[in-house]
C-alpha atoms as a PDB file:
ATOM      1  CA  MET A   1      -4.055  -0.882 -18.978  1.00  0.00           C
ATOM      2  CA  PRO A   2      -0.784   0.729 -18.200  1.00  0.00           C
ATOM      3  CA  ILE A   3       2.039  -1.536 -17.482  1.00  0.00           C
ATOM      4  CA  SER A   4       5.130   0.443 -15.699  1.00  0.00           C
ATOM      5  CA  GLY A   5       8.852  -0.729 -15.245  1.00  0.00           C
ATOM      6  CA  LEU A   6      10.239   1.257 -12.464  1.00  0.00           C
ATOM      7  CA  VAL A   7      13.388   1.135 -10.481  1.00  0.00           C
ATOM      8  CA  VAL A   8      12.819   2.067  -6.672  1.00  0.00           C
ATOM      9  CA  THR A   9      15.854   3.520  -4.917  1.00  0.00           C
ATOM     10  CA  LEU A  10      15.744   2.162  -1.350  1.00  0.00           C
ATOM     11  CA  SER A  11      17.258   3.914   1.827  1.00  0.00           C
ATOM     12  CA  ASP A  12      20.660   2.496   3.369  1.00  0.00           C
ATOM     13  CA  ASN A  13      18.831   1.885   6.445  1.00  0.00           C
ATOM     14  CA  ALA A  14      18.229  -1.995   6.580  1.00  0.00           C
ATOM     15  CA  THR A  15      15.236  -1.647   8.585  1.00  0.00           C
ATOM     16  CA  GLU A  16      13.360   0.837   6.460  1.00  0.00           C
ATOM     17  CA  ARG A  17      14.695  -1.196   3.298  1.00  0.00           C
ATOM     18  CA  ALA A  18      13.022  -4.446   4.682  1.00  0.00           C
ATOM     19  CA  ASP A  19       9.598  -2.483   5.590  1.00  0.00           C
ATOM     20  CA  VAL A  20       9.667  -1.267   1.716  1.00  0.00           C
ATOM     21  CA  LEU A  21      10.448  -4.572   0.284  1.00  0.00           C
ATOM     22  CA  SER A  22       7.530  -6.235   2.438  1.00  0.00           C
ATOM     23  CA  SER A  23       5.035  -3.616   1.365  1.00  0.00           C
ATOM     24  CA  LEU A  24       6.246  -4.315  -2.483  1.00  0.00           C
ATOM     25  CA  ARG A  25       5.693  -8.000  -1.937  1.00  0.00           C
ATOM     26  CA  ARG A  26       2.239  -7.833  -0.364  1.00  0.00           C
ATOM     27  CA  ASP A  27       0.715  -5.586  -3.502  1.00  0.00           C
ATOM     28  CA  PRO A  28      -0.654  -7.696  -6.057  1.00  0.00           C
ATOM     29  CA  ARG A  29      -0.055  -5.157  -8.735  1.00  0.00           C
ATOM     30  CA  ILE A  30       3.501  -5.349  -8.266  1.00  0.00           C
ATOM     31  CA  GLU A  31       6.092  -7.899  -9.207  1.00  0.00           C
ATOM     32  CA  LEU A  32       9.742  -7.714  -8.087  1.00  0.00           C
ATOM     33  CA  GLY A  33      12.465  -8.013 -10.634  1.00  0.00           C
ATOM     34  CA  ILE A  34      14.877  -9.512  -8.373  1.00  0.00           C
ATOM     35  CA  ASN A  35      14.886 -12.803  -6.214  1.00  0.00           C
ATOM     36  CA  GLU A  36      14.566 -12.620  -2.566  1.00  0.00           C
ATOM     37  CA  PRO A  37      18.190 -13.582  -1.350  1.00  0.00           C
ATOM     38  CA  GLU A  38      19.372 -10.479  -3.400  1.00  0.00           C
ATOM     39  CA  GLN A  39      16.547  -8.254  -2.032  1.00  0.00           C
ATOM     40  CA  GLN A  40      18.089  -8.282   1.340  1.00  0.00           C
ATOM     41  CA  HIS A  41      21.132  -6.226   0.338  1.00  0.00           C
ATOM     42  CA  ALA A  42      19.773  -4.264  -2.811  1.00  0.00           C
ATOM     43  CA  VAL A  43      19.545  -0.575  -2.740  1.00  0.00           C
ATOM     44  CA  ARG A  44      17.783  -0.522  -6.345  1.00  0.00           C
ATOM     45  CA  ILE A  45      14.799  -2.616  -6.891  1.00  0.00           C
ATOM     46  CA  PRO A  46      13.544  -3.080 -10.491  1.00  0.00           C
ATOM     47  CA  ILE A  47       9.625  -3.568 -10.232  1.00  0.00           C
ATOM     48  CA  VAL A  48       6.753  -4.144 -12.809  1.00  0.00           C
ATOM     49  CA  VAL A  49       3.475  -2.472 -11.789  1.00  0.00           C
ATOM     50  CA  ASP A  50       0.433  -3.686 -13.568  1.00  0.00           C
ATOM     51  CA  THR A  51      -2.964  -1.780 -13.286  1.00  0.00           C
ATOM     52  CA  PRO A  52      -6.184  -1.722 -14.796  1.00  0.00           C
ATOM     53  CA  SER A  53      -6.216   2.165 -15.293  1.00  0.00           C
ATOM     54  CA  ASN A  54      -4.168   5.416 -15.458  1.00  0.00           C
ATOM     55  CA  ASP A  55      -5.670   6.840 -12.267  1.00  0.00           C
ATOM     56  CA  GLU A  56      -4.502   3.670 -10.365  1.00  0.00           C
ATOM     57  CA  ASP A  57      -1.126   3.574 -11.968  1.00  0.00           C
ATOM     58  CA  LYS A  58      -0.838   7.070 -10.721  1.00  0.00           C
ATOM     59  CA  GLN A  59      -2.072   6.041  -7.148  1.00  0.00           C
ATOM     60  CA  VAL A  60       0.393   3.393  -7.032  1.00  0.00           C
ATOM     61  CA  TRP A  61       3.517   5.904  -8.259  1.00  0.00           C
ATOM     62  CA  GLN A  62       2.192   8.215  -5.485  1.00  0.00           C
ATOM     63  CA  TRP A  63       2.095   5.590  -2.708  1.00  0.00           C
ATOM     64  CA  LEU A  64       5.628   4.440  -3.839  1.00  0.00           C
ATOM     65  CA  ASN A  65       7.029   7.889  -3.471  1.00  0.00           C
ATOM     66  CA  ARG A  66       5.435   8.286  -0.101  1.00  0.00           C
ATOM     67  CA  LEU A  67       6.654   4.978   1.592  1.00  0.00           C
ATOM     68  CA  PRO A  68       9.297   5.622   4.110  1.00  0.00           C
ATOM     69  CA  GLY A  69      12.528   4.067   3.003  1.00  0.00           C
ATOM     70  CA  VAL A  70      11.818   4.621  -0.598  1.00  0.00           C
ATOM     71  CA  VAL A  71      14.411   7.560  -1.888  1.00  0.00           C
ATOM     72  CA  PHE A  72      13.409   7.604  -5.484  1.00  0.00           C
ATOM     73  CA  VAL A  73      11.211   6.033  -8.256  1.00  0.00           C
ATOM     74  CA  ASP A  74      12.997   6.063 -11.786  1.00  0.00           C
ATOM     75  CA  VAL A  75      10.416   5.405 -14.587  1.00  0.00           C
ATOM     76  CA  ALA A  76      12.113   2.755 -17.146  1.00  0.00           C
ATOM     77  CA  LEU A  77       9.271   2.384 -19.261  1.00  0.00           C
ATOM     78  CA  VAL A  78       5.492   2.648 -19.391  1.00  0.00           C
ATOM     79  CA  GLY A  79       3.413   0.729 -21.841  1.00  0.00           C
ATOM     80  CA  PHE A  80      -0.289   1.223 -22.787  1.00  0.00           C
ATOM     81  CA  GLU A  81      -2.266  -1.657 -23.900  1.00  0.00           C
ATOM     82  CA  SER A  82      -5.287  -1.044 -26.168  1.00  0.00           C
ATOM     83  CA  ASP A  83      -8.427  -3.014 -26.123  1.00  0.00           C
ATOM     84  CA  SER A  84      -8.691  -2.536 -29.773  1.00  0.00           C
ATOM     85  CA  THR A  85      -6.591  -3.943 -32.483  1.00  0.00           C
ATOM     86  CA  ASN A  86      -5.068  -2.312 -35.356  1.00  0.00           C
ATOM     87  CA  ASP A  87      -5.412  -4.017 -38.570  1.00  0.00           C
ATOM     88  CA  SER A  88      -2.626  -1.837 -40.345  1.00  0.00           C
END
């Protein structure tokens, strides 16, 4: 179960930026790391992506990179949870 910390760099175009933010807010796998009043003017948005599989995590990454208004997606961290426990 991967959890990714990403920073999405948005376009300077206010309309494109608003569309991207709206898309991010609608996706239940994504949590924005900045409150709504600050989102209007921010160009770099920290997000957390929580998906049940590596394949879905990759799909979200690809979707983000194809969104009009997204300039770049930086990876801050990717963590993988394991269902098994390690006793050592």
